[in-house]
């Protein structure tokens, strides 16, 4: 079992004036941007989590807590797709990057919640590969952060209320749904879920998600996203099963290009641009058939 705190250190803080300014900028289109936040303390957290084979592994994540505590409880937030190991919550120091970590802290920590965000296997401090997009595996990185997050709060004299909320977006949406399922199965009184909100995730990989990936798409942005998702999934499978020949699934030139791109450890935007340009060079128009 994981759920053990290794260590934590300060990542700084998000100051009220900065938080209010960014909140009003980022959320003006979805709600009335009226917020009076207080200082939010940020902690990089190292903890033990579990691997699918039962072994323990040390992972990294972020815990964010308002300076007067979080009476509303703890939100576990699972982030979306990224192949950039530095584009993760534990790298957040109160600046607008990584963007998703910033938005989660702005949304929840400014409203009286504590936030715990895992980096996942293969991202952040963990040097292995990321099993993308397997929510059944990645969910443990968040489940095993819950008790360490509460311990970080206790050791920092910051109280967190008993409520537990699970959410996430994109890849994190499916991870959040798996986390909800696993926590319910554990039947641990200390891990009783108050609410769960998995958002826009690949919940059904071999069914609706697979059909969506291979269907026609006239929006070039989302067509490009499919190229990236397909390539990232293939690379993850190949890292886990080295005998996998990507040329059995992709056109030869694209099959060899996938590891070439991901081995460079590029920021996500650059990796996406390279993969999409290659796909269009091969002749991709409205679906993935040419690649």
Protein backbone atom coordinates (compact mmCIF):
# COMPACT_ATOMS: atom_id res chain seq x y z
CA UNK A 1 0.00 0.00 0.00
CA UNK A 2 1.07 3.58 -0.58
CA UNK A 3 -0.48 6.56 1.20
CA UNK A 4 2.76 7.42 3.03
CA UNK A 5 4.33 10.88 3.15
CA UNK A 6 8.06 10.99 2.36
CA UNK A 7 8.74 14.72 2.59
CA UNK A 8 7.38 18.11 1.63
CA UNK A 9 8.89 21.51 0.93
CA UNK A 10 7.58 24.98 0.22
CA UNK A 11 6.93 25.98 -3.38
CA UNK A 12 6.15 29.49 -2.22
CA UNK A 13 2.70 31.01 -2.13
CA UNK A 14 0.02 32.53 -4.30
CA UNK A 15 -0.61 36.03 -3.03
CA UNK A 16 -4.17 37.44 -2.78
CA UNK A 17 -3.76 40.39 -5.15
CA UNK A 18 -2.16 38.21 -7.82
CA UNK A 19 -4.77 35.49 -7.36
CA UNK A 20 -7.65 37.94 -7.65
CA UNK A 21 -6.24 39.49 -10.82
CA UNK A 22 -5.68 36.15 -12.52
CA UNK A 23 -9.01 34.75 -11.33
CA UNK A 24 -10.88 37.67 -12.88
CA UNK A 25 -8.95 37.22 -16.12
CA UNK A 26 -9.32 33.45 -16.42
CA UNK A 27 -12.89 32.94 -15.22
CA UNK A 28 -14.67 36.04 -16.47
CA UNK A 29 -16.50 34.05 -19.17
CA UNK A 30 -17.81 31.27 -16.92
CA UNK A 31 -18.90 33.01 -13.74
CA UNK A 32 -18.96 36.36 -12.01
CA UNK A 33 -15.30 37.01 -11.26
CA UNK A 34 -15.96 38.25 -7.74
CA UNK A 35 -13.44 36.66 -5.41
CA UNK A 36 -11.64 37.79 -2.27
CA UNK A 37 -8.90 35.17 -1.94
CA UNK A 38 -6.38 34.85 0.81
CA UNK A 39 -2.79 33.70 0.56
CA UNK A 40 -2.44 30.09 -0.63
CA UNK A 41 0.54 28.08 0.58
CA UNK A 42 2.06 25.70 -1.98
CA UNK A 43 3.92 22.51 -1.07
CA UNK A 44 5.83 20.14 -3.32
CA UNK A 45 5.06 16.75 -1.83
CA UNK A 46 6.89 13.43 -2.19
CA UNK A 47 5.01 10.32 -1.18
CA UNK A 48 4.80 6.57 -1.64
CA UNK A 49 2.22 5.24 -4.09
CA UNK A 50 1.58 1.80 -5.51
CA UNK A 51 2.52 0.30 -8.86
CA UNK A 52 0.23 -2.12 -10.74
CA UNK A 53 2.62 -4.95 -9.80
CA UNK A 54 2.15 -4.19 -6.11
CA UNK A 55 5.52 -2.53 -5.57
CA UNK A 56 5.78 0.89 -3.96
CA UNK A 57 7.07 3.85 -5.92
CA UNK A 58 7.93 7.39 -4.87
CA UNK A 59 5.93 10.06 -6.71
CA UNK A 60 5.67 13.83 -6.60
CA UNK A 61 2.71 16.16 -6.47
CA UNK A 62 1.42 19.50 -5.24
CA UNK A 63 -0.60 20.33 -2.15
CA UNK A 64 -2.14 23.83 -1.99
CA UNK A 65 -3.82 25.10 1.19
CA UNK A 66 -5.26 28.53 2.10
CA UNK A 67 -3.28 30.06 4.97
CA UNK A 68 -6.27 29.99 7.34
CA UNK A 69 -7.04 26.38 6.44
CA UNK A 70 -9.56 24.66 4.21
CA UNK A 71 -12.84 24.10 6.08
CA UNK A 72 -14.65 22.93 2.94
CA UNK A 73 -12.36 19.93 2.55
CA UNK A 74 -9.85 18.49 0.10
CA UNK A 75 -10.12 18.46 -3.70
CA UNK A 76 -8.03 15.83 -5.50
CA UNK A 77 -7.46 17.14 -9.02
CA UNK A 78 -6.11 14.92 -11.82
CA UNK A 79 -4.47 16.89 -14.64
CA UNK A 80 -4.92 16.43 -18.37
CA UNK A 81 -2.64 15.04 -21.08
CA UNK A 82 1.00 16.10 -21.06
CA UNK A 83 4.14 14.31 -22.20
CA UNK A 84 6.36 17.03 -20.71
CA UNK A 85 7.51 15.78 -17.31
CA UNK A 86 8.06 19.37 -16.13
CA UNK A 87 4.55 20.52 -17.10
CA UNK A 88 3.10 19.10 -13.89
CA UNK A 89 1.57 20.35 -10.63
CA UNK A 90 4.65 19.89 -8.41
CA UNK A 91 6.45 22.53 -10.53
CA UNK A 92 3.83 25.18 -9.72
CA UNK A 93 5.18 28.10 -7.66
CA UNK A 94 2.36 30.60 -7.88
CA UNK A 95 3.18 31.71 -11.42
CA UNK A 96 0.79 31.17 -14.37
CA UNK A 97 2.71 28.00 -15.30
CA UNK A 98 2.06 25.15 -15.40
CA UNK A 99 -1.25 26.57 -16.57
CA UNK A 100 -3.53 23.74 -15.49
CA UNK A 101 -2.12 23.66 -11.96
CA UNK A 102 -2.58 27.43 -11.77
CA UNK A 103 -6.22 27.19 -12.87
CA UNK A 104 -7.00 24.42 -10.38
CA UNK A 105 -5.48 26.38 -7.50
CA UNK A 106 -7.32 29.55 -8.59
CA UNK A 107 -10.62 27.69 -8.89
CA UNK A 108 -10.55 25.75 -5.63
CA UNK A 109 -7.96 27.09 -3.17
CA UNK A 110 -9.31 30.65 -3.46
CA UNK A 111 -12.73 29.31 -2.44
CA UNK A 112 -11.73 27.63 0.82
CA UNK A 113 -10.65 24.19 -0.40
CA UNK A 114 -7.30 22.47 -0.13
CA UNK A 115 -6.07 20.96 -3.38
CA UNK A 116 -3.93 17.84 -3.93
CA UNK A 117 -2.62 17.23 -7.46
CA UNK A 118 -0.47 14.22 -8.38
CA UNK A 119 2.08 14.39 -11.19
CA UNK A 120 1.42 10.70 -12.16
CA UNK A 121 3.79 7.84 -12.87
CA UNK A 122 6.50 8.82 -15.33
CA UNK A 123 6.04 12.57 -14.82
CA UNK A 124 7.51 15.02 -12.36
CA UNK A 125 10.22 13.43 -10.21
CA UNK A 126 9.45 9.84 -11.23
CA UNK A 127 11.84 8.72 -13.96
CA UNK A 128 9.83 5.82 -15.35
CA UNK A 129 7.41 6.00 -18.27
CA UNK A 130 3.90 7.39 -18.06
CA UNK A 131 1.23 4.71 -18.73
CA UNK A 132 -0.91 6.93 -20.93
CA UNK A 133 -3.93 7.03 -20.85
CA UNK A 134 -4.64 4.21 -18.39
CA UNK A 135 -6.82 5.65 -15.64
CA UNK A 136 -7.00 2.29 -13.87
CA UNK A 137 -3.25 2.56 -13.20
CA UNK A 138 -2.81 6.32 -12.82
CA UNK A 139 -5.66 6.71 -10.32
CA UNK A 140 -3.47 5.37 -7.49
CA UNK A 141 -1.16 8.36 -7.78
CA UNK A 142 -4.03 10.53 -6.53
CA UNK A 143 -5.60 8.09 -4.09
CA UNK A 144 -2.25 7.61 -2.37
CA UNK A 145 -1.74 11.39 -2.10
CA UNK A 146 -4.86 11.97 0.02
CA UNK A 147 -3.48 10.93 3.40
CA UNK A 148 -0.05 12.53 2.77
CA UNK A 149 -1.80 15.79 1.81
CA UNK A 150 -3.67 15.80 5.11
CA UNK A 151 -0.40 15.06 6.91
CA UNK A 152 1.28 18.00 5.15
CA UNK A 153 -1.57 20.21 6.38
CA UNK A 154 -1.34 18.91 9.96
CA UNK A 155 2.43 19.40 10.11
CA UNK A 156 1.97 22.95 8.76
CA UNK A 157 -0.78 23.77 11.32
CA UNK A 158 -3.33 24.17 8.53
CA UNK A 159 -6.64 22.44 9.12
CA UNK A 160 -8.50 20.66 6.31
CA UNK A 161 -12.17 19.78 6.66
CA UNK A 162 -13.28 16.14 6.32
CA UNK A 163 -15.01 16.43 2.92
CA UNK A 164 -13.28 14.75 -0.02
CA UNK A 165 -13.87 15.75 -3.64
CA UNK A 166 -12.50 14.00 -6.74
CA UNK A 167 -12.22 15.71 -10.12
CA UNK A 168 -10.04 15.98 -13.20
CA UNK A 169 -10.09 16.98 -16.85
CA UNK A 170 -9.22 15.27 -20.15
CA UNK A 171 -6.89 12.37 -19.30
CA UNK A 172 -7.54 13.36 -15.70
CA UNK A 173 -11.28 12.97 -16.21
CA UNK A 174 -10.93 9.24 -16.75
CA UNK A 175 -8.34 9.00 -13.97
CA UNK A 176 -10.82 10.73 -11.64
CA UNK A 177 -13.57 8.26 -12.56
CA UNK A 178 -11.24 5.31 -11.86
CA UNK A 179 -10.18 6.92 -8.56
CA UNK A 180 -13.82 7.25 -7.55
CA UNK A 181 -14.45 3.59 -8.35
CA UNK A 182 -11.37 2.36 -6.49
CA UNK A 183 -12.00 4.48 -3.39
CA UNK A 184 -15.57 3.22 -3.19
CA UNK A 185 -14.28 -0.36 -3.44
CA UNK A 186 -11.74 0.24 -0.66
CA UNK A 187 -14.51 1.10 1.80
CA UNK A 188 -12.05 3.05 3.96
CA UNK A 189 -13.88 5.38 6.40
CA UNK A 190 -11.02 7.88 6.06
CA UNK A 191 -11.57 8.03 2.27
CA UNK A 192 -15.27 8.64 1.97
CA UNK A 193 -16.06 10.67 -1.16
CA UNK A 194 -18.36 13.66 -0.77
CA UNK A 195 -18.68 14.45 -4.49
CA UNK A 196 -16.99 13.36 -7.72
CA UNK A 197 -16.90 15.24 -11.02
CA UNK A 198 -14.86 13.55 -13.79
CA UNK A 199 -14.72 15.89 -16.80
CA UNK A 200 -14.27 15.22 -20.53
CA UNK A 201 -12.21 12.06 -20.14
CA UNK A 202 -11.43 9.01 -22.29
CA UNK A 203 -13.64 6.77 -20.15
CA UNK A 204 -14.28 4.02 -22.71
CA UNK A 205 -10.97 3.46 -24.50
CA UNK A 206 -11.97 0.51 -26.68
CA UNK A 207 -15.49 1.78 -27.40
CA UNK A 208 -16.65 5.37 -27.82
CA UNK A 209 -13.15 6.83 -27.47
CA UNK A 210 -11.75 4.53 -30.17
CA UNK A 211 -14.63 5.40 -32.51
CA UNK A 212 -14.10 9.12 -31.90
CA UNK A 213 -10.39 8.80 -32.66
CA UNK A 214 -10.85 7.17 -36.07
CA UNK A 215 -13.90 9.15 -37.17
CA UNK A 216 -13.82 12.06 -39.60
CA UNK A 217 -13.01 15.46 -38.13
CA UNK A 218 -13.18 18.73 -40.07
CA UNK A 219 -11.82 20.87 -37.22
CA UNK A 220 -8.05 20.92 -37.82
CA UNK A 221 -7.29 21.67 -34.17
CA UNK A 222 -9.07 18.56 -32.95
CA UNK A 223 -7.74 16.49 -35.83
CA UNK A 224 -4.25 17.50 -34.72
CA UNK A 225 -5.11 16.61 -31.14
CA UNK A 226 -6.06 13.11 -32.28
CA UNK A 227 -2.68 12.70 -33.93
CA UNK A 228 -0.98 13.62 -30.66
CA UNK A 229 -3.20 11.38 -28.52
CA UNK A 230 -2.68 8.41 -30.86
CA UNK A 231 1.08 8.89 -30.98
CA UNK A 232 1.36 9.35 -27.20
CA UNK A 233 -0.69 6.22 -26.56
CA UNK A 234 1.46 4.24 -28.98
CA UNK A 235 4.67 5.48 -27.37
CA UNK A 236 3.40 4.54 -23.92
CA UNK A 237 2.52 1.03 -25.07
CA UNK A 238 5.91 0.61 -26.74
CA UNK A 239 7.73 1.72 -23.56
CA UNK A 240 5.82 -0.91 -21.59
CA UNK A 241 6.11 -3.61 -24.25
CA UNK A 242 9.36 -2.99 -26.20
CA UNK A 243 8.59 -5.79 -28.61
CA UNK A 244 5.68 -3.75 -30.00
CA UNK A 245 6.28 -2.86 -33.65
CA UNK A 246 4.56 0.46 -34.30
CA UNK A 247 4.81 -0.18 -38.04
CA UNK A 248 2.03 -2.73 -37.61
CA UNK A 249 -0.30 0.13 -36.67
CA UNK A 250 1.08 3.24 -38.38
CA UNK A 251 2.49 4.05 -41.77
CA UNK A 252 6.24 3.26 -41.73
CA UNK A 253 7.50 6.85 -41.76
CA UNK A 254 5.10 7.91 -38.99
CA UNK A 255 5.88 4.80 -36.92
CA UNK A 256 9.58 5.69 -36.79
CA UNK A 257 8.79 9.37 -36.22
CA UNK A 258 6.83 8.75 -32.98
CA UNK A 259 9.79 7.65 -30.82
CA UNK A 260 12.02 10.20 -32.56
CA UNK A 261 9.77 13.03 -31.33
CA UNK A 262 9.11 11.77 -27.81
CA UNK A 263 12.76 10.88 -27.18
CA UNK A 264 13.58 14.59 -27.45
CA UNK A 265 11.58 15.40 -24.28
CA UNK A 266 10.08 18.45 -25.94
CA UNK A 267 7.44 20.76 -24.48
CA UNK A 268 3.98 19.55 -25.48
CA UNK A 269 3.39 22.34 -28.00
CA UNK A 270 6.57 21.54 -29.93
CA UNK A 271 5.87 17.79 -29.89
CA UNK A 272 2.33 18.37 -31.17
CA UNK A 273 3.56 20.66 -33.96
CA UNK A 274 6.12 18.12 -35.15
CA UNK A 275 3.68 15.22 -35.14
CA UNK A 276 0.90 17.16 -36.87
CA UNK A 277 3.23 18.53 -39.56
CA UNK A 278 4.43 15.02 -40.26
CA UNK A 279 0.85 13.74 -40.49
CA UNK A 280 -0.09 16.42 -43.01
CA UNK A 281 3.05 15.72 -45.04
CA UNK A 282 1.91 12.10 -45.31
CA UNK A 283 -1.48 13.28 -46.57
CA UNK A 284 -3.79 13.37 -43.56
CA UNK A 285 -6.91 15.37 -44.40
CA UNK A 286 -9.95 14.66 -42.21
CA UNK A 287 -9.11 11.44 -40.37
CA UNK A 288 -6.14 9.36 -39.25
CA UNK A 289 -6.31 6.80 -42.06
CA UNK A 290 -3.20 8.07 -43.87
CA UNK A 291 -1.05 7.67 -40.79
